[in-house]
Amino acid sequence: MPGAKLAADLWISEYLTPHDIWQHGVDRILAHCKTPHQDLYVVESGAYGKALVLDGKWQTCTGDEFLYHEPLVHTPFVLHGRPRRVLIAGGADGGAAREALKWHHIEQVLIVDIDFEAVEACRKWLPEIHQGAFDDPRVRVEYGDAFDVIQNTHGWDVIIADLTDPIENGPAYKLFTREFFAACHAALTPDGIFVNQAGSMSPPFMNLLTRTVNTISAVFCHATVIQANVPTYGSPWGLALASKTPLDMQPNIKATDALLESSINGDLRMFDGQAMLGILQIPKHVRTRLANETAVYSLADPPRFFGCSSETHV
């Protein structure tokens, strides 16, 4: 391409649709293993720092992860007001736990991840993301299927489904079904909040997002979408938000800032009252697609997600 200067010899090409590829240049592979559940890479990605790649799908990186983890955690926390017990399904990189621990009232954070090797790789190679969260005495990591764990627990103020994409036969596809969302509904307190990463908001491949939110709406009385703009994901990203009680879609900016000021330790890089109000306002084309969606995912008919990756040397 005119004016292009390649700065990497290895490229991860992630297929978003049959016609669209999103590429990441890799300077160095720091770790690679095939765990019992997925294919794992930790790479040095140049401009955006170190990154975690699972089953060929870009998960997170040190350069822009805060644009995902802060809205994922602080939006449901603000809406709840005083969360004490938080369950994170997935979350192997520790970023969601890091953000949860900033709140004074947090007494317990349970991370439920199916892949011991993924958590250990993140613990070793991505300290910039977890920042020691795994070692906090309020945090417990349980290795197992989040579906099974959540079916046998209750009393959570917030449940965060910080999952990989639902690749067929991958570790997360069951966690995008009506049955899983029903288990989360039962495990929450009456004023509890549920949130999960639900897929791209880009028009050509929004089906996962709209069908996931519609599936959640079949279980929860109140559900919506918030948007996270993470450059390395290649498109705006949707996070599904749900509750048994009404959600405040027009929160007062000053009230949110006052709550954050009185409730958290540590800095927030993108999230405050104004940012929260903004990410709750989703575009018209997304609202239209959500209103017209009829599909509901179930264990008998789970999501079939398009997407894989390849490695290219140049």
C-alpha atoms as a PDB file:
ATOM      1  CA  MET A   1       0.000   0.000   0.000  1.00  0.00           C
ATOM      2  CA  PRO A   2       1.293   3.528  -0.720  1.00  0.00           C
ATOM      3  CA  GLY A   3       3.123   4.947   2.257  1.00  0.00           C
ATOM      4  CA  ALA A   4       2.853   1.758   4.308  1.00  0.00           C
ATOM      5  CA  LYS A   5       5.856   0.659   6.313  1.00  0.00           C
ATOM      6  CA  LEU A   6       5.622  -2.774   7.886  1.00  0.00           C
ATOM      7  CA  ALA A   7       7.149  -2.923  11.350  1.00  0.00           C
ATOM      8  CA  ALA A   8       6.612  -6.629  12.062  1.00  0.00           C
ATOM      9  CA  ASP A   9       7.533  -9.901  10.369  1.00  0.00           C
ATOM     10  CA  LEU A  10       4.739 -11.963  11.940  1.00  0.00           C
ATOM     11  CA  TRP A  11       1.052 -11.084  11.621  1.00  0.00           C
ATOM     12  CA  ILE A  12      -1.998 -12.553  13.311  1.00  0.00           C
ATOM     13  CA  SER A  13      -4.895 -12.354  10.840  1.00  0.00           C
ATOM     14  CA  GLU A  14      -8.261 -12.574  12.546  1.00  0.00           C
ATOM     15  CA  TYR A  15     -11.193 -13.289  10.243  1.00  0.00           C
ATOM     16  CA  LEU A  16     -14.149 -11.143  11.285  1.00  0.00           C
ATOM     17  CA  THR A  17     -16.367 -12.096   8.346  1.00  0.00           C
ATOM     18  CA  PRO A  18     -15.620 -14.098   5.166  1.00  0.00           C
ATOM     19  CA  HIS A  19     -14.644 -10.776   3.576  1.00  0.00           C
ATOM     20  CA  ASP A  20     -12.921  -8.919   6.418  1.00  0.00           C
ATOM     21  CA  ILE A  21      -9.621  -9.556   8.173  1.00  0.00           C
ATOM     22  CA  TRP A  22      -8.207  -7.657  11.142  1.00  0.00           C
ATOM     23  CA  GLN A  23      -4.439  -7.983  11.476  1.00  0.00           C
ATOM     24  CA  HIS A  24      -2.078  -7.475  14.389  1.00  0.00           C
ATOM     25  CA  GLY A  25       1.658  -7.242  13.933  1.00  0.00           C
ATOM     26  CA  VAL A  26       3.676  -9.339  16.369  1.00  0.00           C
ATOM     27  CA  ASP A  27       7.240  -8.490  17.332  1.00  0.00           C
ATOM     28  CA  ARG A  28       7.802 -11.490  19.568  1.00  0.00           C
ATOM     29  CA  ILE A  29       5.967 -14.555  20.866  1.00  0.00           C
ATOM     30  CA  LEU A  30       6.411 -14.599  24.641  1.00  0.00           C
ATOM     31  CA  ALA A  31       4.499 -17.796  25.400  1.00  0.00           C
ATOM     32  CA  HIS A  32       2.521 -20.422  23.530  1.00  0.00           C
ATOM     33  CA  CYS A  33       0.787 -23.594  24.645  1.00  0.00           C
ATOM     34  CA  LYS A  34      -2.178 -25.751  23.768  1.00  0.00           C
ATOM     35  CA  THR A  35      -4.089 -26.092  27.012  1.00  0.00           C
ATOM     36  CA  PRO A  36      -6.777 -28.755  27.477  1.00  0.00           C
ATOM     37  CA  HIS A  37      -9.308 -26.069  26.488  1.00  0.00           C
ATOM     38  CA  GLN A  38      -7.775 -23.655  23.988  1.00  0.00           C
ATOM     39  CA  ASP A  39      -4.763 -22.528  21.995  1.00  0.00           C
ATOM     40  CA  LEU A  40      -2.971 -19.769  23.926  1.00  0.00           C
ATOM     41  CA  TYR A  41      -0.472 -17.132  22.865  1.00  0.00           C
ATOM     42  CA  VAL A  42       1.000 -14.210  24.760  1.00  0.00           C
ATOM     43  CA  VAL A  43       2.689 -11.891  22.278  1.00  0.00           C
ATOM     44  CA  GLU A  44       4.481  -8.584  22.132  1.00  0.00           C
ATOM     45  CA  SER A  45       2.360  -6.564  19.724  1.00  0.00           C
ATOM     46  CA  GLY A  46       4.432  -3.443  19.231  1.00  0.00           C
ATOM     47  CA  ALA A  47       2.309  -0.283  19.428  1.00  0.00           C
ATOM     48  CA  TYR A  48      -0.237  -1.779  21.837  1.00  0.00           C
ATOM     49  CA  GLY A  49       2.134  -3.715  24.079  1.00  0.00           C
ATOM     50  CA  LYS A  50       1.655  -7.291  25.242  1.00  0.00           C
ATOM     51  CA  ALA A  51      -1.457  -9.202  24.213  1.00  0.00           C
ATOM     52  CA  LEU A  52      -3.356 -12.399  25.036  1.00  0.00           C
ATOM     53  CA  VAL A  53      -4.673 -14.406  22.079  1.00  0.00           C
ATOM     54  CA  LEU A  54      -6.937 -17.430  22.621  1.00  0.00           C
ATOM     55  CA  ASP A  55      -8.045 -19.748  19.826  1.00  0.00           C
ATOM     56  CA  GLY A  56      -6.852 -17.160  17.358  1.00  0.00           C
ATOM     57  CA  LYS A  57      -9.052 -14.413  18.844  1.00  0.00           C
ATOM     58  CA  TRP A  58      -7.536 -11.250  20.275  1.00  0.00           C
ATOM     59  CA  GLN A  59      -8.611 -11.035  23.935  1.00  0.00           C
ATOM     60  CA  THR A  60      -6.846  -8.110  25.549  1.00  0.00           C
ATOM     61  CA  CYS A  61      -3.635  -6.130  25.496  1.00  0.00           C
ATOM     62  CA  THR A  62      -1.795  -3.797  27.803  1.00  0.00           C
ATOM     63  CA  GLY A  63      -2.201  -0.787  25.508  1.00  0.00           C
ATOM     64  CA  ASP A  64      -5.991  -0.433  25.531  1.00  0.00           C
ATOM     65  CA  GLU A  65      -7.457  -2.964  27.996  1.00  0.00           C
ATOM     66  CA  PHE A  66      -8.665  -0.181  30.293  1.00  0.00           C
ATOM     67  CA  LEU A  67     -11.150   0.852  27.596  1.00  0.00           C
ATOM     68  CA  TYR A  68     -12.796  -2.541  28.075  1.00  0.00           C
ATOM     69  CA  HIS A  69     -12.305  -3.382  31.747  1.00  0.00           C
ATOM     70  CA  GLU A  70     -13.380  -0.032  33.206  1.00  0.00           C
ATOM     71  CA  PRO A  71     -16.848   0.099  31.583  1.00  0.00           C
ATOM     72  CA  LEU A  72     -17.300  -3.652  32.076  1.00  0.00           C
ATOM     73  CA  VAL A  73     -16.860  -3.330  35.842  1.00  0.00           C
ATOM     74  CA  HIS A  74     -17.727   0.204  36.906  1.00  0.00           C
ATOM     75  CA  THR A  75     -20.984   0.540  34.981  1.00  0.00           C
ATOM     76  CA  PRO A  76     -22.743  -2.286  36.878  1.00  0.00           C
ATOM     77  CA  PHE A  77     -21.041  -1.234  40.110  1.00  0.00           C
ATOM     78  CA  VAL A  78     -22.348   2.335  39.847  1.00  0.00           C
ATOM     79  CA  LEU A  79     -25.828   1.110  38.959  1.00  0.00           C
ATOM     80  CA  HIS A  80     -25.777  -1.183  41.986  1.00  0.00           C
ATOM     81  CA  GLY A  81     -24.297   1.459  44.261  1.00  0.00           C
ATOM     82  CA  ARG A  82     -22.644  -0.668  46.929  1.00  0.00           C
ATOM     83  CA  PRO A  83     -21.512  -4.066  45.635  1.00  0.00           C
ATOM     84  CA  ARG A  84     -19.893  -6.392  48.153  1.00  0.00           C
ATOM     85  CA  ARG A  85     -19.735  -9.805  46.458  1.00  0.00           C
ATOM     86  CA  VAL A  86     -18.707 -10.157  42.814  1.00  0.00           C
ATOM     87  CA  LEU A  87     -18.396 -13.251  40.653  1.00  0.00           C
ATOM     88  CA  ILE A  88     -16.343 -13.101  37.458  1.00  0.00           C
ATOM     89  CA  ALA A  89     -16.891 -15.871  34.926  1.00  0.00           C
ATOM     90  CA  GLY A  90     -13.712 -16.065  32.866  1.00  0.00           C
ATOM     91  CA  GLY A  91     -11.509 -13.074  33.544  1.00  0.00           C
ATOM     92  CA  ALA A  92      -8.236 -15.015  33.310  1.00  0.00           C
ATOM     93  CA  ASP A  93      -6.209 -11.853  32.686  1.00  0.00           C
ATOM     94  CA  GLY A  94      -7.223 -10.365  36.061  1.00  0.00           C
ATOM     95  CA  GLY A  95      -8.231  -6.984  34.648  1.00  0.00           C
ATOM     96  CA  ALA A  96     -11.851  -7.178  35.796  1.00  0.00           C
ATOM     97  CA  ALA A  97     -10.766  -8.266  39.270  1.00  0.00           C
ATOM     98  CA  ARG A  98      -8.309  -5.373  39.415  1.00  0.00           C
ATOM     99  CA  GLU A  99     -11.064  -2.868  38.720  1.00  0.00           C
ATOM    100  CA  ALA A 100     -13.498  -4.505  41.176  1.00  0.00           C
ATOM    101  CA  LEU A 101     -10.952  -4.295  43.977  1.00  0.00           C
ATOM    102  CA  LYS A 102     -10.827  -0.509  43.665  1.00  0.00           C
ATOM    103  CA  TRP A 103     -14.218  -0.318  45.410  1.00  0.00           C
ATOM    104  CA  HIS A 104     -14.083   0.086  49.199  1.00  0.00           C
ATOM    105  CA  HIS A 105     -17.086  -2.127  49.875  1.00  0.00           C
ATOM    106  CA  ILE A 106     -15.840  -5.215  48.031  1.00  0.00           C
ATOM    107  CA  GLU A 107     -15.573  -8.180  50.386  1.00  0.00           C
ATOM    108  CA  GLN A 108     -15.255 -11.056  47.931  1.00  0.00           C
ATOM    109  CA  VAL A 109     -14.264 -11.526  44.305  1.00  0.00           C
ATOM    110  CA  LEU A 110     -14.641 -15.043  42.928  1.00  0.00           C
ATOM    111  CA  ILE A 111     -12.977 -15.688  39.563  1.00  0.00           C
ATOM    112  CA  VAL A 112     -14.278 -18.849  37.893  1.00  0.00           C
ATOM    113  CA  ASP A 113     -12.170 -19.878  34.914  1.00  0.00           C
ATOM    114  CA  ILE A 114     -12.019 -23.253  33.254  1.00  0.00           C
ATOM    115  CA  ASP A 115      -8.369 -22.977  32.243  1.00  0.00           C
ATOM    116  CA  PHE A 116      -5.666 -23.114  34.917  1.00  0.00           C
ATOM    117  CA  GLU A 117      -2.913 -22.666  32.342  1.00  0.00           C
ATOM    118  CA  ALA A 118      -4.494 -19.509  30.941  1.00  0.00           C
ATOM    119  CA  VAL A 119      -4.697 -17.889  34.380  1.00  0.00           C
ATOM    120  CA  GLU A 120      -1.112 -18.859  35.170  1.00  0.00           C
ATOM    121  CA  ALA A 121       0.117 -17.504  31.842  1.00  0.00           C
ATOM    122  CA  CYS A 122      -1.612 -14.182  32.504  1.00  0.00           C
ATOM    123  CA  ARG A 123      -0.318 -14.113  36.055  1.00  0.00           C
ATOM    124  CA  LYS A 124       3.244 -14.523  34.731  1.00  0.00           C
ATOM    125  CA  TRP A 125       3.219 -12.534  31.511  1.00  0.00           C
ATOM    126  CA  LEU A 126       0.588  -9.797  31.994  1.00  0.00           C
ATOM    127  CA  PRO A 127       1.269  -8.193  35.400  1.00  0.00           C
ATOM    128  CA  GLU A 128       0.519  -4.801  33.819  1.00  0.00           C
ATOM    129  CA  ILE A 129      -3.103  -5.929  33.550  1.00  0.00           C
ATOM    130  CA  HIS A 130      -3.798  -7.832  36.771  1.00  0.00           C
ATOM    131  CA  GLN A 131      -1.534  -5.608  38.910  1.00  0.00           C
ATOM    132  CA  GLY A 132      -1.405  -8.212  41.671  1.00  0.00           C
ATOM    133  CA  ALA A 133      -5.168  -8.760  41.858  1.00  0.00           C
ATOM    134  CA  PHE A 134      -4.752 -12.534  42.105  1.00  0.00           C
ATOM    135  CA  ASP A 135      -2.829 -12.092  45.364  1.00  0.00           C
ATOM    136  CA  ASP A 136      -5.429  -9.907  47.091  1.00  0.00           C
ATOM    137  CA  PRO A 137      -6.947 -11.794  50.064  1.00  0.00           C
ATOM    138  CA  ARG A 138     -10.453 -10.870  48.874  1.00  0.00           C
ATOM    139  CA  VAL A 139      -9.894 -12.762  45.620  1.00  0.00           C
ATOM    140  CA  ARG A 140     -10.378 -16.498  45.131  1.00  0.00           C
ATOM    141  CA  VAL A 141      -9.828 -18.323  41.861  1.00  0.00           C
ATOM    142  CA  GLU A 142     -11.837 -21.476  41.235  1.00  0.00           C
ATOM    143  CA  TYR A 143     -10.980 -23.632  38.254  1.00  0.00           C
ATOM    144  CA  GLY A 144     -13.987 -25.194  36.599  1.00  0.00           C
ATOM    145  CA  ASP A 145     -16.974 -24.638  34.354  1.00  0.00           C
ATOM    146  CA  ALA A 146     -18.645 -21.340  35.307  1.00  0.00           C
ATOM    147  CA  PHE A 147     -21.991 -22.834  34.302  1.00  0.00           C
ATOM    148  CA  ASP A 148     -21.716 -25.518  36.966  1.00  0.00           C
ATOM    149  CA  VAL A 149     -20.355 -23.174  39.626  1.00  0.00           C
ATOM    150  CA  ILE A 150     -23.034 -20.509  39.147  1.00  0.00           C
ATOM    151  CA  GLN A 151     -25.808 -23.109  39.280  1.00  0.00           C
ATOM    152  CA  ASN A 152     -24.671 -23.951  42.803  1.00  0.00           C
ATOM    153  CA  THR A 153     -24.135 -20.513  44.303  1.00  0.00           C
ATOM    154  CA  HIS A 154     -26.181 -17.445  45.157  1.00  0.00           C
ATOM    155  CA  GLY A 155     -26.095 -14.021  46.808  1.00  0.00           C
ATOM    156  CA  TRP A 156     -23.919 -12.164  44.283  1.00  0.00           C
ATOM    157  CA  ASP A 157     -24.335  -8.417  43.878  1.00  0.00           C
ATOM    158  CA  VAL A 158     -22.706  -8.381  40.441  1.00  0.00           C
ATOM    159  CA  ILE A 159     -21.909 -11.203  38.022  1.00  0.00           C
ATOM    160  CA  ILE A 160     -19.451 -10.325  35.255  1.00  0.00           C
ATOM    161  CA  ALA A 161     -19.203 -12.716  32.309  1.00  0.00           C
ATOM    162  CA  ASP A 162     -15.774 -11.742  30.961  1.00  0.00           C
ATOM    163  CA  LEU A 163     -15.651 -14.480  28.348  1.00  0.00           C
ATOM    164  CA  THR A 164     -13.922 -15.525  25.171  1.00  0.00           C
ATOM    165  CA  ASP A 165     -16.027 -15.548  22.019  1.00  0.00           C
ATOM    166  CA  PRO A 166     -18.471 -18.475  21.768  1.00  0.00           C
ATOM    167  CA  ILE A 167     -16.503 -20.483  19.212  1.00  0.00           C
ATOM    168  CA  GLU A 168     -18.294 -23.787  18.638  1.00  0.00           C
ATOM    169  CA  ASN A 169     -16.787 -26.465  20.899  1.00  0.00           C
ATOM    170  CA  GLY A 170     -14.711 -23.798  22.658  1.00  0.00           C
ATOM    171  CA  PRO A 171     -14.873 -23.244  26.422  1.00  0.00           C
ATOM    172  CA  ALA A 172     -17.387 -20.357  26.366  1.00  0.00           C
ATOM    173  CA  TYR A 173     -20.168 -21.193  23.906  1.00  0.00           C
ATOM    174  CA  LYS A 174     -22.466 -22.627  26.614  1.00  0.00           C
ATOM    175  CA  LEU A 175     -22.175 -19.363  28.534  1.00  0.00           C
ATOM    176  CA  PHE A 176     -24.127 -17.456  25.879  1.00  0.00           C
ATOM    177  CA  THR A 177     -27.304 -19.516  26.294  1.00  0.00           C
ATOM    178  CA  ARG A 178     -30.640 -18.982  27.999  1.00  0.00           C
ATOM    179  CA  GLU A 179     -29.826 -21.725  30.499  1.00  0.00           C
ATOM    180  CA  PHE A 180     -26.656 -19.955  31.658  1.00  0.00           C
ATOM    181  CA  PHE A 181     -28.374 -16.592  31.925  1.00  0.00           C
ATOM    182  CA  ALA A 182     -31.141 -18.207  33.983  1.00  0.00           C
ATOM    183  CA  ALA A 183     -28.518 -19.581  36.365  1.00  0.00           C
ATOM    184  CA  CYS A 184     -26.997 -16.099  36.696  1.00  0.00           C
ATOM    185  CA  HIS A 185     -30.444 -14.615  37.363  1.00  0.00           C
ATOM    186  CA  ALA A 186     -30.988 -17.097  40.195  1.00  0.00           C
ATOM    187  CA  ALA A 187     -27.515 -16.479  41.651  1.00  0.00           C
ATOM    188  CA  LEU A 188     -27.940 -12.690  41.896  1.00  0.00           C
ATOM    189  CA  THR A 189     -29.376 -10.756  44.817  1.00  0.00           C
ATOM    190  CA  PRO A 190     -32.749  -9.037  44.144  1.00  0.00           C
ATOM    191  CA  ASP A 191     -30.937  -5.807  43.179  1.00  0.00           C
ATOM    192  CA  GLY A 192     -28.024  -7.581  41.493  1.00  0.00           C
ATOM    193  CA  ILE A 193     -26.588  -6.637  38.089  1.00  0.00           C
ATOM    194  CA  PHE A 194     -25.359  -8.932  35.314  1.00  0.00           C
ATOM    195  CA  VAL A 195     -22.957  -7.883  32.554  1.00  0.00           C
ATOM    196  CA  ASN A 196     -21.167  -9.768  29.794  1.00  0.00           C
ATOM    197  CA  GLN A 197     -19.129  -9.109  26.708  1.00  0.00           C
ATOM    198  CA  ALA A 198     -21.595  -9.720  23.907  1.00  0.00           C
ATOM    199  CA  GLY A 199     -19.806  -9.048  20.629  1.00  0.00           C
ATOM    200  CA  SER A 200     -19.202  -6.479  17.941  1.00  0.00           C
ATOM    201  CA  MET A 201     -21.507  -3.520  17.280  1.00  0.00           C
ATOM    202  CA  SER A 202     -20.357  -3.238  13.681  1.00  0.00           C
ATOM    203  CA  PRO A 203     -23.308  -3.696  11.281  1.00  0.00           C
ATOM    204  CA  PRO A 204     -22.003  -6.662   9.235  1.00  0.00           C
ATOM    205  CA  PHE A 205     -21.443  -8.902  12.254  1.00  0.00           C
ATOM    206  CA  MET A 206     -23.844  -7.720  14.925  1.00  0.00           C
ATOM    207  CA  ASN A 207     -25.881 -10.949  15.084  1.00  0.00           C
ATOM    208  CA  LEU A 208     -23.998 -12.316  18.085  1.00  0.00           C
ATOM    209  CA  LEU A 209     -24.663  -9.126  20.035  1.00  0.00           C
ATOM    210  CA  THR A 210     -28.354  -8.813  19.217  1.00  0.00           C
ATOM    211  CA  ARG A 211     -29.079 -12.498  19.759  1.00  0.00           C
ATOM    212  CA  THR A 212     -27.171 -12.559  23.032  1.00  0.00           C
ATOM    213  CA  VAL A 213     -29.055  -9.518  24.353  1.00  0.00           C
ATOM    214  CA  ASN A 214     -32.366 -10.970  23.167  1.00  0.00           C
ATOM    215  CA  THR A 215     -31.530 -14.216  24.955  1.00  0.00           C
ATOM    216  CA  ILE A 216     -30.745 -12.302  28.149  1.00  0.00           C
ATOM    217  CA  SER A 217     -34.034 -10.395  27.744  1.00  0.00           C
ATOM    218  CA  ALA A 218     -35.856 -13.732  27.766  1.00  0.00           C
ATOM    219  CA  VAL A 219     -34.593 -14.206  31.344  1.00  0.00           C
ATOM    220  CA  PHE A 220     -34.137 -10.734  32.850  1.00  0.00           C
ATOM    221  CA  CYS A 221     -36.891  -8.120  33.017  1.00  0.00           C
ATOM    222  CA  HIS A 222     -34.476  -5.346  32.103  1.00  0.00           C
ATOM    223  CA  ALA A 223     -31.608  -5.605  29.607  1.00  0.00           C
ATOM    224  CA  THR A 224     -29.667  -3.207  27.435  1.00  0.00           C
ATOM    225  CA  VAL A 225     -26.286  -2.661  25.809  1.00  0.00           C
ATOM    226  CA  ILE A 226     -23.359  -0.466  26.703  1.00  0.00           C
ATOM    227  CA  GLN A 227     -20.561   0.214  24.282  1.00  0.00           C
ATOM    228  CA  ALA A 228     -16.825  -0.120  24.745  1.00  0.00           C
ATOM    229  CA  ASN A 229     -14.587   1.369  22.080  1.00  0.00           C
ATOM    230  CA  VAL A 230     -11.435  -0.751  22.111  1.00  0.00           C
ATOM    231  CA  PRO A 231      -9.172  -0.026  19.105  1.00  0.00           C
ATOM    232  CA  THR A 232      -7.542  -3.451  18.934  1.00  0.00           C
ATOM    233  CA  TYR A 233     -10.927  -5.198  18.650  1.00  0.00           C
ATOM    234  CA  GLY A 234     -11.430  -3.694  15.212  1.00  0.00           C
ATOM    235  CA  SER A 235     -14.937  -2.348  15.858  1.00  0.00           C
ATOM    236  CA  PRO A 236     -17.053  -0.880  18.674  1.00  0.00           C
ATOM    237  CA  TRP A 237     -17.861  -3.587  21.201  1.00  0.00           C
ATOM    238  CA  GLY A 238     -21.123  -4.280  22.964  1.00  0.00           C
ATOM    239  CA  LEU A 239     -21.495  -5.284  26.609  1.00  0.00           C
ATOM    240  CA  ALA A 240     -24.890  -6.645  27.628  1.00  0.00           C
ATOM    241  CA  LEU A 241     -26.233  -5.279  30.900  1.00  0.00           C
ATOM    242  CA  ALA A 242     -29.190  -6.784  32.756  1.00  0.00           C
ATOM    243  CA  SER A 243     -31.047  -6.605  36.053  1.00  0.00           C
ATOM    244  CA  LYS A 244     -34.228  -7.748  37.794  1.00  0.00           C
ATOM    245  CA  THR A 245     -35.013  -4.099  38.530  1.00  0.00           C
ATOM    246  CA  PRO A 246     -35.107  -1.070  36.174  1.00  0.00           C
ATOM    247  CA  LEU A 247     -31.767   0.249  34.914  1.00  0.00           C
ATOM    248  CA  ASP A 248     -31.063   3.991  35.034  1.00  0.00           C
ATOM    249  CA  MET A 249     -30.165   4.826  31.440  1.00  0.00           C
ATOM    250  CA  GLN A 250     -29.775   8.567  32.170  1.00  0.00           C
ATOM    251  CA  PRO A 251     -27.608   8.669  35.308  1.00  0.00           C
ATOM    252  CA  ASN A 252     -26.784  12.070  36.730  1.00  0.00           C
ATOM    253  CA  ILE A 253     -23.175  12.937  35.942  1.00  0.00           C
ATOM    254  CA  LYS A 254     -22.446  14.737  39.212  1.00  0.00           C
ATOM    255  CA  ALA A 255     -24.084  11.979  41.284  1.00  0.00           C
ATOM    256  CA  THR A 256     -21.979   9.330  39.522  1.00  0.00           C
ATOM    257  CA  ASP A 257     -18.781  11.304  40.075  1.00  0.00           C
ATOM    258  CA  ALA A 258     -19.639  11.756  43.760  1.00  0.00           C
ATOM    259  CA  LEU A 259     -20.275   8.028  44.153  1.00  0.00           C
ATOM    260  CA  LEU A 260     -16.980   7.159  42.479  1.00  0.00           C
ATOM    261  CA  GLU A 261     -15.107   9.717  44.598  1.00  0.00           C
ATOM    262  CA  SER A 262     -16.467   8.237  47.826  1.00  0.00           C
ATOM    263  CA  SER A 263     -16.300   4.570  46.822  1.00  0.00           C
ATOM    264  CA  ILE A 264     -13.025   3.791  45.073  1.00  0.00           C
ATOM    265  CA  ASN A 265      -9.296   3.775  45.588  1.00  0.00           C
ATOM    266  CA  GLY A 266      -7.019   4.222  42.599  1.00  0.00           C
ATOM    267  CA  ASP A 267      -7.263   6.041  39.323  1.00  0.00           C
ATOM    268  CA  LEU A 268      -9.777   5.609  36.516  1.00  0.00           C
ATOM    269  CA  ARG A 269      -8.432   6.386  33.065  1.00  0.00           C
ATOM    270  CA  MET A 270     -11.611   6.555  30.952  1.00  0.00           C
ATOM    271  CA  PHE A 271     -14.557   6.113  33.286  1.00  0.00           C
ATOM    272  CA  ASP A 272     -16.415   8.891  35.093  1.00  0.00           C
ATOM    273  CA  GLY A 273     -19.949  10.248  35.215  1.00  0.00           C
ATOM    274  CA  GLN A 274     -19.824  11.782  31.772  1.00  0.00           C
ATOM    275  CA  ALA A 275     -18.274   8.675  30.189  1.00  0.00           C
ATOM    276  CA  MET A 276     -20.873   6.423  31.808  1.00  0.00           C
ATOM    277  CA  LEU A 277     -23.739   8.507  30.491  1.00  0.00           C
ATOM    278  CA  GLY A 278     -22.191   8.319  27.032  1.00  0.00           C
ATOM    279  CA  ILE A 279     -21.632   4.552  26.879  1.00  0.00           C
ATOM    280  CA  LEU A 280     -25.239   3.921  27.913  1.00  0.00           C
ATOM    281  CA  GLN A 281     -26.507   5.808  24.832  1.00  0.00           C
ATOM    282  CA  ILE A 282     -26.332   3.260  22.022  1.00  0.00           C
ATOM    283  CA  PRO A 283     -26.772   4.251  18.352  1.00  0.00           C
ATOM    284  CA  LYS A 284     -30.090   4.045  16.542  1.00  0.00           C
ATOM    285  CA  HIS A 285     -29.031   1.234  14.190  1.00  0.00           C
ATOM    286  CA  VAL A 286     -28.154  -0.947  17.189  1.00  0.00           C
ATOM    287  CA  ARG A 287     -31.448  -0.178  18.932  1.00  0.00           C
ATOM    288  CA  THR A 288     -33.312  -1.041  15.734  1.00  0.00           C
ATOM    289  CA  ARG A 289     -31.536  -4.362  15.344  1.00  0.00           C
ATOM    290  CA  LEU A 290     -32.192  -5.204  18.994  1.00  0.00           C
ATOM    291  CA  ALA A 291     -35.894  -4.381  18.654  1.00  0.00           C
ATOM    292  CA  ASN A 292     -36.222  -6.665  15.625  1.00  0.00           C
ATOM    293  CA  GLU A 293     -34.227  -9.604  16.983  1.00  0.00           C
ATOM    294  CA  THR A 294     -36.161 -12.823  17.679  1.00  0.00           C
ATOM    295  CA  ALA A 295     -33.488 -15.530  18.052  1.00  0.00           C
ATOM    296  CA  VAL A 296     -32.765 -17.015  21.469  1.00  0.00           C
ATOM    297  CA  TYR A 297     -29.648 -19.096  22.139  1.00  0.00           C
ATOM    298  CA  SER A 298     -30.060 -22.316  24.106  1.00  0.00           C
ATOM    299  CA  LEU A 299     -27.984 -25.398  24.869  1.00  0.00           C
ATOM    300  CA  ALA A 300     -29.917 -27.139  22.107  1.00  0.00           C
ATOM    301  CA  ASP A 301     -29.247 -24.243  19.709  1.00  0.00           C
ATOM    302  CA  PRO A 302     -26.105 -22.401  20.862  1.00  0.00           C
ATOM    303  CA  PRO A 303     -24.299 -19.620  18.985  1.00  0.00           C
ATOM    304  CA  ARG A 304     -22.223 -20.606  15.986  1.00  0.00           C
ATOM    305  CA  PHE A 305     -19.603 -17.927  15.845  1.00  0.00           C
ATOM    306  CA  PHE A 306     -17.652 -17.150  12.683  1.00  0.00           C
ATOM    307  CA  GLY A 307     -13.984 -16.444  13.174  1.00  0.00           C
ATOM    308  CA  CYS A 308     -10.552 -17.957  13.215  1.00  0.00           C
ATOM    309  CA  SER A 309      -7.039 -16.706  12.671  1.00  0.00           C
ATOM    310  CA  SER A 310      -3.869 -17.507  10.854  1.00  0.00           C
ATOM    311  CA  GLU A 311      -0.247 -16.550  11.291  1.00  0.00           C
ATOM    312  CA  THR A 312       1.549 -14.880   8.409  1.00  0.00           C
ATOM    313  CA  HIS A 313       5.290 -14.270   8.056  1.00  0.00           C
ATOM    314  CA  VAL A 314       6.358 -11.471   5.740  1.00  0.00           C
END
